[in-house]
């Protein structure tokens, strides 16, 4: 069950990447989660939480699911914005 929930976090992150790129295409800037929610139809998996840190040249998305009872509970992806400690665009689950 926990693996399925973590897979849901990864899917939410991928969907948010697509949403972020669509937002950029429309507004020529990367948006915060609140901005994306106002402009796009965003639905997260049950129990999932998400945060986005936009930058001028990319963004970082953090996702987690508090209902995962053991093991890895969160993942992130960094696109542009320096991608310093992970591969640009690759979802990382510590």
PDB file of N, CA and C in Angstrom:
ATOM      1  N   UNK A   1       0.817  -1.204   0.000  1.00  0.00           N
ATOM      2  CA  UNK A   1       0.000   0.000   0.000  1.00  0.00           C
ATOM      3  C   UNK A   1       0.864   1.274   0.000  1.00  0.00           C
ATOM      4  N   UNK A   2       1.957   1.240   0.790  1.00  0.00           N
ATOM      5  CA  UNK A   2       2.832   2.407   0.839  1.00  0.00           C
ATOM      6  C   UNK A   2       3.501   2.663  -0.507  1.00  0.00           C
ATOM      7  N   UNK A   3       3.841   1.593  -1.239  1.00  0.00           N
ATOM      8  CA  UNK A   3       4.455   1.768  -2.562  1.00  0.00           C
ATOM      9  C   UNK A   3       3.485   2.457  -3.519  1.00  0.00           C
ATOM     10  N   UNK A   4       2.219   2.091  -3.442  1.00  0.00           N
ATOM     11  CA  UNK A   4       1.210   2.716  -4.292  1.00  0.00           C
ATOM     12  C   UNK A   4       1.054   4.198  -3.948  1.00  0.00           C
ATOM     13  N   UNK A   5       1.106   4.515  -2.670  1.00  0.00           N
ATOM     14  CA  UNK A   5       0.991   5.918  -2.259  1.00  0.00           C
ATOM     15  C   UNK A   5       2.198   6.727  -2.722  1.00  0.00           C
ATOM     16  N   UNK A   6       3.398   6.122  -2.642  1.00  0.00           N
ATOM     17  CA  UNK A   6       4.589   6.819  -3.122  1.00  0.00           C
ATOM     18  C   UNK A   6       4.526   6.986  -4.641  1.00  0.00           C
ATOM     19  N   UNK A   7       3.998   5.984  -5.329  1.00  0.00           N
ATOM     20  CA  UNK A   7       3.808   6.109  -6.784  1.00  0.00           C
ATOM     21  C   UNK A   7       2.850   7.251  -7.083  1.00  0.00           C
ATOM     22  N   UNK A   8       1.835   7.441  -6.240  1.00  0.00           N
ATOM     23  CA  UNK A   8       0.909   8.566  -6.396  1.00  0.00           C
ATOM     24  C   UNK A   8       1.607   9.898  -6.233  1.00  0.00           C
ATOM     25  N   UNK A   9       2.544   9.989  -5.292  1.00  0.00           N
ATOM     26  CA  UNK A   9       3.326  11.220  -5.102  1.00  0.00           C
ATOM     27  C   UNK A   9       4.121  11.518  -6.372  1.00  0.00           C
ATOM     28  N   UNK A  10       4.757  10.492  -6.935  1.00  0.00           N
ATOM     29  CA  UNK A  10       5.545  10.681  -8.160  1.00  0.00           C
ATOM     30  C   UNK A  10       4.659  11.126  -9.317  1.00  0.00           C
ATOM     31  N   UNK A  11       3.479  10.529  -9.425  1.00  0.00           N
ATOM     32  CA  UNK A  11       2.541  10.922 -10.485  1.00  0.00           C
ATOM     33  C   UNK A  11       2.087  12.360 -10.290  1.00  0.00           C
ATOM     34  N   UNK A  12       1.801  12.737  -9.053  1.00  0.00           N
ATOM     35  CA  UNK A  12       1.413  14.125  -8.774  1.00  0.00           C
ATOM     36  C   UNK A  12       2.524  15.091  -9.180  1.00  0.00           C
ATOM     37  N   UNK A  13       3.768  14.732  -8.906  1.00  0.00           N
ATOM     38  CA  UNK A  13       4.896  15.592  -9.273  1.00  0.00           C
ATOM     39  C   UNK A  13       4.996  15.708 -10.788  1.00  0.00           C
ATOM     40  N   UNK A  14       4.869  14.592 -11.492  1.00  0.00           N
ATOM     41  CA  UNK A  14       4.930  14.649 -12.967  1.00  0.00           C
ATOM     42  C   UNK A  14       3.809  15.527 -13.523  1.00  0.00           C
ATOM     43  N   UNK A  15       2.604  15.352 -12.975  1.00  0.00           N
ATOM     44  CA  UNK A  15       1.480  16.175 -13.423  1.00  0.00           C
ATOM     45  C   UNK A  15       1.716  17.652 -13.119  1.00  0.00           C
ATOM     46  N   UNK A  16       2.327  17.925 -11.972  1.00  0.00           N
ATOM     47  CA  UNK A  16       2.603  19.316 -11.612  1.00  0.00           C
ATOM     48  C   UNK A  16       3.672  19.907 -12.525  1.00  0.00           C
ATOM     49  N   UNK A  17       4.636  19.103 -12.959  1.00  0.00           N
ATOM     50  CA  UNK A  17       5.630  19.587 -13.927  1.00  0.00           C
ATOM     51  C   UNK A  17       4.935  20.031 -15.218  1.00  0.00           C
ATOM     52  N   UNK A  18       4.010  19.211 -15.695  1.00  0.00           N
ATOM     53  CA  UNK A  18       3.264  19.552 -16.909  1.00  0.00           C
ATOM     54  C   UNK A  18       2.467  20.829 -16.707  1.00  0.00           C
ATOM     55  N   UNK A  19       1.834  20.949 -15.555  1.00  0.00           N
ATOM     56  CA  UNK A  19       1.049  22.139 -15.235  1.00  0.00           C
ATOM     57  C   UNK A  19       1.947  23.371 -15.165  1.00  0.00           C
ATOM     58  N   UNK A  20       3.113  23.216 -14.548  1.00  0.00           N
ATOM     59  CA  UNK A  20       4.054  24.330 -14.434  1.00  0.00           C
ATOM     60  C   UNK A  20       4.518  24.793 -15.817  1.00  0.00           C
ATOM     61  N   UNK A  21       4.799  23.854 -16.709  1.00  0.00           N
ATOM     62  CA  UNK A  21       5.239  24.223 -18.057  1.00  0.00           C
ATOM     63  C   UNK A  21       4.105  24.889 -18.848  1.00  0.00           C
ATOM     64  N   UNK A  22       2.878  24.443 -18.660  1.00  0.00           N
ATOM     65  CA  UNK A  22       1.734  25.090 -19.313  1.00  0.00           C
ATOM     66  C   UNK A  22       1.554  26.508 -18.780  1.00  0.00           C
ATOM     67  N   UNK A  23       1.726  26.678 -17.477  1.00  0.00           N
ATOM     68  CA  UNK A  23       1.632  28.005 -16.873  1.00  0.00           C
ATOM     69  C   UNK A  23       2.698  28.922 -17.463  1.00  0.00           C
ATOM     70  N   UNK A  24       3.923  28.391 -17.595  1.00  0.00           N
ATOM     71  CA  UNK A  24       5.010  29.186 -18.175  1.00  0.00           C
ATOM     72  C   UNK A  24       4.686  29.578 -19.611  1.00  0.00           C
ATOM     73  N   UNK A  25       4.111  28.667 -20.381  1.00  0.00           N
ATOM     74  CA  UNK A  25       3.753  28.966 -21.774  1.00  0.00           C
ATOM     75  C   UNK A  25       2.732  30.095 -21.850  1.00  0.00           C
ATOM     76  N   UNK A  26       1.845  30.162 -20.871  1.00  0.00           N
ATOM     77  CA  UNK A  26       0.811  31.194 -20.859  1.00  0.00           C
ATOM     78  C   UNK A  26       1.284  32.532 -20.288  1.00  0.00           C
ATOM     79  N   UNK A  27       2.165  32.494 -19.275  1.00  0.00           N
ATOM     80  CA  UNK A  27       2.500  33.709 -18.531  1.00  0.00           C
ATOM     81  C   UNK A  27       3.979  34.095 -18.577  1.00  0.00           C
ATOM     82  N   UNK A  28       4.812  33.298 -19.240  1.00  0.00           N
ATOM     83  CA  UNK A  28       6.258  33.562 -19.361  1.00  0.00           C
ATOM     84  C   UNK A  28       6.949  33.692 -18.004  1.00  0.00           C
ATOM     85  N   UNK A  29       6.429  32.987 -17.013  1.00  0.00           N
ATOM     86  CA  UNK A  29       7.038  32.916 -15.686  1.00  0.00           C
ATOM     87  C   UNK A  29       6.579  31.615 -15.044  1.00  0.00           C
ATOM     88  N   UNK A  30       7.361  31.123 -14.101  1.00  0.00           N
ATOM     89  CA  UNK A  30       6.953  29.928 -13.361  1.00  0.00           C
ATOM     90  C   UNK A  30       6.123  30.361 -12.166  1.00  0.00           C
ATOM     91  N   UNK A  31       5.122  29.567 -11.822  1.00  0.00           N
ATOM     92  CA  UNK A  31       4.177  29.961 -10.785  1.00  0.00           C
ATOM     93  C   UNK A  31       4.338  29.203  -9.488  1.00  0.00           C
ATOM     94  N   UNK A  32       3.771  29.779  -8.451  1.00  0.00           N
ATOM     95  CA  UNK A  32       3.681  29.114  -7.158  1.00  0.00           C
ATOM     96  C   UNK A  32       2.507  28.142  -7.202  1.00  0.00           C
ATOM     97  N   UNK A  33       2.398  27.298  -6.204  1.00  0.00           N
ATOM     98  CA  UNK A  33       1.277  26.361  -6.143  1.00  0.00           C
ATOM     99  C   UNK A  33      -0.050  27.118  -6.126  1.00  0.00           C
ATOM    100  N   UNK A  34      -0.138  28.205  -5.362  1.00  0.00           N
ATOM    101  CA  UNK A  34      -1.377  28.993  -5.317  1.00  0.00           C
ATOM    102  C   UNK A  34      -1.720  29.581  -6.684  1.00  0.00           C
ATOM    103  N   UNK A  35      -0.729  30.088  -7.395  1.00  0.00           N
ATOM    104  CA  UNK A  35      -0.975  30.635  -8.729  1.00  0.00           C
ATOM    105  C   UNK A  35      -1.451  29.546  -9.690  1.00  0.00           C
ATOM    106  N   UNK A  36      -0.827  28.390  -9.616  1.00  0.00           N
ATOM    107  CA  UNK A  36      -1.239  27.293 -10.488  1.00  0.00           C
ATOM    108  C   UNK A  36      -2.652  26.833 -10.163  1.00  0.00           C
ATOM    109  N   UNK A  37      -2.985  26.775  -8.886  1.00  0.00           N
ATOM    110  CA  UNK A  37      -4.345  26.360  -8.488  1.00  0.00           C
ATOM    111  C   UNK A  37      -5.402  27.327  -9.006  1.00  0.00           C
ATOM    112  N   UNK A  38      -5.076  28.597  -9.039  1.00  0.00           N
ATOM    113  CA  UNK A  38      -6.037  29.592  -9.520  1.00  0.00           C
ATOM    114  C   UNK A  38      -6.256  29.497 -11.023  1.00  0.00           C
ATOM    115  N   UNK A  39      -5.217  29.113 -11.769  1.00  0.00           N
ATOM    116  CA  UNK A  39      -5.289  29.116 -13.233  1.00  0.00           C
ATOM    117  C   UNK A  39      -5.543  27.741 -13.853  1.00  0.00           C
ATOM    118  N   UNK A  40      -5.202  26.682 -13.159  1.00  0.00           N
ATOM    119  CA  UNK A  40      -5.288  25.338 -13.726  1.00  0.00           C
ATOM    120  C   UNK A  40      -6.121  24.443 -12.818  1.00  0.00           C
ATOM    121  N   UNK A  41      -6.587  23.330 -13.343  1.00  0.00           N
ATOM    122  CA  UNK A  41      -7.361  22.368 -12.565  1.00  0.00           C
ATOM    123  C   UNK A  41      -6.396  21.362 -11.944  1.00  0.00           C
ATOM    124  N   UNK A  42      -6.106  21.527 -10.662  1.00  0.00           N
ATOM    125  CA  UNK A  42      -5.138  20.681  -9.979  1.00  0.00           C
ATOM    126  C   UNK A  42      -5.853  19.784  -8.984  1.00  0.00           C
ATOM    127  N   UNK A  43      -5.617  18.471  -9.101  1.00  0.00           N
ATOM    128  CA  UNK A  43      -6.153  17.497  -8.160  1.00  0.00           C
ATOM    129  C   UNK A  43      -4.996  16.606  -7.726  1.00  0.00           C
ATOM    130  N   UNK A  44      -4.744  16.554  -6.424  1.00  0.00           N
ATOM    131  CA  UNK A  44      -3.675  15.716  -5.892  1.00  0.00           C
ATOM    132  C   UNK A  44      -4.241  14.388  -5.398  1.00  0.00           C
ATOM    133  N   UNK A  45      -3.375  13.395  -5.288  1.00  0.00           N
ATOM    134  CA  UNK A  45      -3.760  12.101  -4.737  1.00  0.00           C
ATOM    135  C   UNK A  45      -4.211  12.275  -3.289  1.00  0.00           C
ATOM    136  N   UNK A  46      -5.042  11.353  -2.801  1.00  0.00           N
ATOM    137  CA  UNK A  46      -5.522  11.400  -1.428  1.00  0.00           C
ATOM    138  C   UNK A  46      -4.348  11.365  -0.454  1.00  0.00           C
ATOM    139  N   UNK A  47      -4.308  12.305   0.468  1.00  0.00           N
ATOM    140  CA  UNK A  47      -3.256  12.381   1.469  1.00  0.00           C
ATOM    141  C   UNK A  47      -2.006  13.117   1.026  1.00  0.00           C
ATOM    142  N   UNK A  48      -1.954  13.513  -0.236  1.00  0.00           N
ATOM    143  CA  UNK A  48      -0.749  14.149  -0.770  1.00  0.00           C
ATOM    144  C   UNK A  48      -0.721  15.639  -0.477  1.00  0.00           C
ATOM    145  N   UNK A  49       0.479  16.144  -0.273  1.00  0.00           N
ATOM    146  CA  UNK A  49       0.712  17.583  -0.162  1.00  0.00           C
ATOM    147  C   UNK A  49       1.825  17.947  -1.139  1.00  0.00           C
ATOM    148  N   UNK A  50       1.826  19.191  -1.565  1.00  0.00           N
ATOM    149  CA  UNK A  50       2.761  19.626  -2.595  1.00  0.00           C
ATOM    150  C   UNK A  50       3.174  21.050  -2.290  1.00  0.00           C
ATOM    151  N   UNK A  51       4.424  21.378  -2.630  1.00  0.00           N
ATOM    152  CA  UNK A  51       4.881  22.758  -2.599  1.00  0.00           C
ATOM    153  C   UNK A  51       5.779  22.988  -3.807  1.00  0.00           C
ATOM    154  N   UNK A  52       5.791  24.228  -4.274  1.00  0.00           N
ATOM    155  CA  UNK A  52       6.583  24.598  -5.442  1.00  0.00           C
ATOM    156  C   UNK A  52       7.385  25.844  -5.103  1.00  0.00           C
ATOM    157  N   UNK A  53       8.655  25.814  -5.470  1.00  0.00           N
ATOM    158  CA  UNK A  53       9.515  26.978  -5.319  1.00  0.00           C
ATOM    159  C   UNK A  53       9.921  27.404  -6.729  1.00  0.00           C
ATOM    160  N   UNK A  54       9.259  28.451  -7.264  1.00  0.00           N
ATOM    161  CA  UNK A  54       9.620  28.912  -8.604  1.00  0.00           C
ATOM    162  C   UNK A  54      10.859  29.797  -8.567  1.00  0.00           C
ATOM    163  N   UNK A  55      11.576  29.818  -9.677  1.00  0.00           N
ATOM    164  CA  UNK A  55      12.727  30.699  -9.859  1.00  0.00           C
ATOM    165  C   UNK A  55      12.606  31.306 -11.256  1.00  0.00           C
ATOM    166  N   UNK A  56      13.474  32.233 -11.581  1.00  0.00           N
ATOM    167  CA  UNK A  56      13.425  32.843 -12.907  1.00  0.00           C
ATOM    168  C   UNK A  56      13.683  31.835 -14.011  1.00  0.00           C
ATOM    169  N   UNK A  57      14.542  30.861 -13.734  1.00  0.00           N
ATOM    170  CA  UNK A  57      14.945  29.922 -14.774  1.00  0.00           C
ATOM    171  C   UNK A  57      14.540  28.475 -14.491  1.00  0.00           C
ATOM    172  N   UNK A  58      13.531  28.259 -13.665  1.00  0.00           N
ATOM    173  CA  UNK A  58      13.071  26.906 -13.371  1.00  0.00           C
ATOM    174  C   UNK A  58      12.263  26.852 -12.091  1.00  0.00           C
ATOM    175  N   UNK A  59      12.206  25.673 -11.506  1.00  0.00           N
ATOM    176  CA  UNK A  59      11.397  25.484 -10.300  1.00  0.00           C
ATOM    177  C   UNK A  59      11.802  24.187  -9.616  1.00  0.00           C
ATOM    178  N   UNK A  60      11.424  24.081  -8.355  1.00  0.00           N
ATOM    179  CA  UNK A  60      11.578  22.854  -7.592  1.00  0.00           C
ATOM    180  C   UNK A  60      10.203  22.496  -7.043  1.00  0.00           C
ATOM    181  N   UNK A  61       9.814  21.230  -7.194  1.00  0.00           N
ATOM    182  CA  UNK A  61       8.540  20.742  -6.681  1.00  0.00           C
ATOM    183  C   UNK A  61       8.832  19.699  -5.606  1.00  0.00           C
ATOM    184  N   UNK A  62       8.165  19.840  -4.467  1.00  0.00           N
ATOM    185  CA  UNK A  62       8.261  18.886  -3.364  1.00  0.00           C
ATOM    186  C   UNK A  62       6.891  18.256  -3.175  1.00  0.00           C
ATOM    187  N   UNK A  63       6.847  16.928  -3.083  1.00  0.00           N
ATOM    188  CA  UNK A  63       5.592  16.233  -2.839  1.00  0.00           C
ATOM    189  C   UNK A  63       5.763  15.209  -1.743  1.00  0.00           C
ATOM    190  N   UNK A  64       4.703  14.997  -0.972  1.00  0.00           N
ATOM    191  CA  UNK A  64       4.750  13.990   0.089  1.00  0.00           C
ATOM    192  C   UNK A  64       3.347  13.459   0.349  1.00  0.00           C
ATOM    193  N   UNK A  65       3.291  12.376   1.107  1.00  0.00           N
ATOM    194  CA  UNK A  65       2.009  11.807   1.502  1.00  0.00           C
ATOM    195  C   UNK A  65       2.132  11.387   2.957  1.00  0.00           C
ATOM    196  N   UNK A  66       1.422  12.078   3.823  1.00  0.00           N
ATOM    197  CA  UNK A  66       1.523  11.839   5.260  1.00  0.00           C
ATOM    198  C   UNK A  66       0.889  10.516   5.684  1.00  0.00           C
ATOM    199  N   UNK A  67       0.132   9.878   4.806  1.00  0.00           N
ATOM    200  CA  UNK A  67      -0.487   8.605   5.176  1.00  0.00           C
ATOM    201  C   UNK A  67       0.419   7.401   4.908  1.00  0.00           C
ATOM    202  N   UNK A  68       1.622   7.632   4.357  1.00  0.00           N
ATOM    203  CA  UNK A  68       2.596   6.549   4.208  1.00  0.00           C
ATOM    204  C   UNK A  68       3.139   6.243   5.596  1.00  0.00           C
ATOM    205  N   UNK A  69       3.006   4.994   6.013  1.00  0.00           N
ATOM    206  CA  UNK A  69       3.324   4.642   7.402  1.00  0.00           C
ATOM    207  C   UNK A  69       4.782   4.289   7.651  1.00  0.00           C
ATOM    208  N   UNK A  70       5.530   3.885   6.615  1.00  0.00           N
ATOM    209  CA  UNK A  70       6.949   3.618   6.818  1.00  0.00           C
ATOM    210  C   UNK A  70       7.694   3.762   5.501  1.00  0.00           C
ATOM    211  N   UNK A  71       9.004   3.943   5.605  1.00  0.00           N
ATOM    212  CA  UNK A  71       9.811   4.102   4.403  1.00  0.00           C
ATOM    213  C   UNK A  71       9.792   5.532   3.894  1.00  0.00           C
ATOM    214  N   UNK A  72      10.026   5.668   2.611  1.00  0.00           N
ATOM    215  CA  UNK A  72      10.102   6.979   1.965  1.00  0.00           C
ATOM    216  C   UNK A  72       8.712   7.588   1.861  1.00  0.00           C
ATOM    217  N   UNK A  73       8.587   8.843   2.268  1.00  0.00           N
ATOM    218  CA  UNK A  73       7.285   9.512   2.256  1.00  0.00           C
ATOM    219  C   UNK A  73       7.233  10.717   1.324  1.00  0.00           C
ATOM    220  N   UNK A  74       8.393  11.102   0.755  1.00  0.00           N
ATOM    221  CA  UNK A  74       8.402  12.320  -0.057  1.00  0.00           C
ATOM    222  C   UNK A  74       9.367  12.193  -1.232  1.00  0.00           C
ATOM    223  N   UNK A  75       9.140  13.037  -2.236  1.00  0.00           N
ATOM    224  CA  UNK A  75       9.981  13.098  -3.429  1.00  0.00           C
ATOM    225  C   UNK A  75      10.062  14.555  -3.872  1.00  0.00           C
ATOM    226  N   UNK A  76      11.021  14.831  -4.751  1.00  0.00           N
ATOM    227  CA  UNK A  76      11.140  16.176  -5.303  1.00  0.00           C
ATOM    228  C   UNK A  76      11.706  16.092  -6.708  1.00  0.00           C
ATOM    229  N   UNK A  77      11.539  17.186  -7.438  1.00  0.00           N
ATOM    230  CA  UNK A  77      12.152  17.324  -8.756  1.00  0.00           C
ATOM    231  C   UNK A  77      12.589  18.770  -8.907  1.00  0.00           C
ATOM    232  N   UNK A  78      13.727  18.943  -9.532  1.00  0.00           N
ATOM    233  CA  UNK A  78      14.226  20.284  -9.810  1.00  0.00           C
ATOM    234  C   UNK A  78      14.410  20.410 -11.314  1.00  0.00           C
ATOM    235  N   UNK A  79      13.815  21.440 -11.879  1.00  0.00           N
ATOM    236  CA  UNK A  79      13.904  21.694 -13.317  1.00  0.00           C
ATOM    237  C   UNK A  79      14.547  23.065 -13.494  1.00  0.00           C
ATOM    238  N   UNK A  80      15.678  23.094 -14.192  1.00  0.00           N
ATOM    239  CA  UNK A  80      16.408  24.355 -14.311  1.00  0.00           C
ATOM    240  C   UNK A  80      16.833  24.823 -12.939  1.00  0.00           C
ATOM    241  N   UNK A  81      16.790  26.098 -12.719  1.00  0.00           N
ATOM    242  CA  UNK A  81      17.039  26.700 -11.403  1.00  0.00           C
ATOM    243  C   UNK A  81      18.318  26.191 -10.742  1.00  0.00           C
ATOM    244  N   UNK A  82      19.303  25.783 -11.525  1.00  0.00           N
ATOM    245  CA  UNK A  82      20.570  25.329 -10.971  1.00  0.00           C
ATOM    246  C   UNK A  82      20.677  23.835 -10.793  1.00  0.00           C
ATOM    247  N   UNK A  83      19.577  23.135 -10.614  1.00  0.00           N
ATOM    248  CA  UNK A  83      19.541  21.677 -10.422  1.00  0.00           C
ATOM    249  C   UNK A  83      20.807  21.158  -9.754  1.00  0.00           C
ATOM    250  N   UNK A  84      21.152  21.734  -8.622  1.00  0.00           N
ATOM    251  CA  UNK A  84      22.444  21.502  -7.997  1.00  0.00           C
ATOM    252  C   UNK A  84      22.662  20.103  -7.441  1.00  0.00           C
ATOM    253  N   UNK A  85      21.743  19.558  -6.695  1.00  0.00           N
ATOM    254  CA  UNK A  85      22.025  18.287  -6.029  1.00  0.00           C
ATOM    255  C   UNK A  85      21.197  17.122  -6.565  1.00  0.00           C
ATOM    256  N   UNK A  86      20.621  17.265  -7.721  1.00  0.00           N
ATOM    257  CA  UNK A  86      19.964  16.150  -8.382  1.00  0.00           C
ATOM    258  C   UNK A  86      19.929  16.406  -9.875  1.00  0.00           C
ATOM    259  N   UNK A  87      19.649  15.380 -10.639  1.00  0.00           N
ATOM    260  CA  UNK A  87      19.637  15.495 -12.092  1.00  0.00           C
ATOM    261  C   UNK A  87      18.442  16.321 -12.529  1.00  0.00           C
ATOM    262  N   UNK A  88      18.685  17.275 -13.405  1.00  0.00           N
ATOM    263  CA  UNK A  88      17.639  18.171 -13.895  1.00  0.00           C
ATOM    264  C   UNK A  88      16.457  17.371 -14.453  1.00  0.00           C
ATOM    265  N   UNK A  89      15.293  17.564 -13.862  1.00  0.00           N
ATOM    266  CA  UNK A  89      14.062  16.928 -14.332  1.00  0.00           C
ATOM    267  C   UNK A  89      13.815  15.530 -13.828  1.00  0.00           C
ATOM    268  N   UNK A  90      14.733  14.942 -13.075  1.00  0.00           N
ATOM    269  CA  UNK A  90      14.557  13.590 -12.553  1.00  0.00           C
ATOM    270  C   UNK A  90      13.949  13.647 -11.154  1.00  0.00           C
ATOM    271  N   UNK A  91      12.913  12.857 -10.933  1.00  0.00           N
ATOM    272  CA  UNK A  91      12.280  12.805  -9.617  1.00  0.00           C
ATOM    273  C   UNK A  91      13.212  12.058  -8.671  1.00  0.00           C
ATOM    274  N   UNK A  92      13.434  12.656  -7.510  1.00  0.00           N
ATOM    275  CA  UNK A  92      14.344  12.105  -6.499  1.00  0.00           C
ATOM    276  C   UNK A  92      13.555  11.830  -5.219  1.00  0.00           C
ATOM    277  N   UNK A  93      13.640  10.600  -4.738  1.00  0.00           N
ATOM    278  CA  UNK A  93      12.976  10.222  -3.487  1.00  0.00           C
ATOM    279  C   UNK A  93      14.062   9.761  -2.518  1.00  0.00           C
ATOM    280  N   UNK A  94      14.408  10.598  -1.541  1.00  0.00           N
ATOM    281  CA  UNK A  94      15.535  10.262  -0.653  1.00  0.00           C
ATOM    282  C   UNK A  94      15.289   9.017   0.174  1.00  0.00           C
TER     283      UNK A  94
END
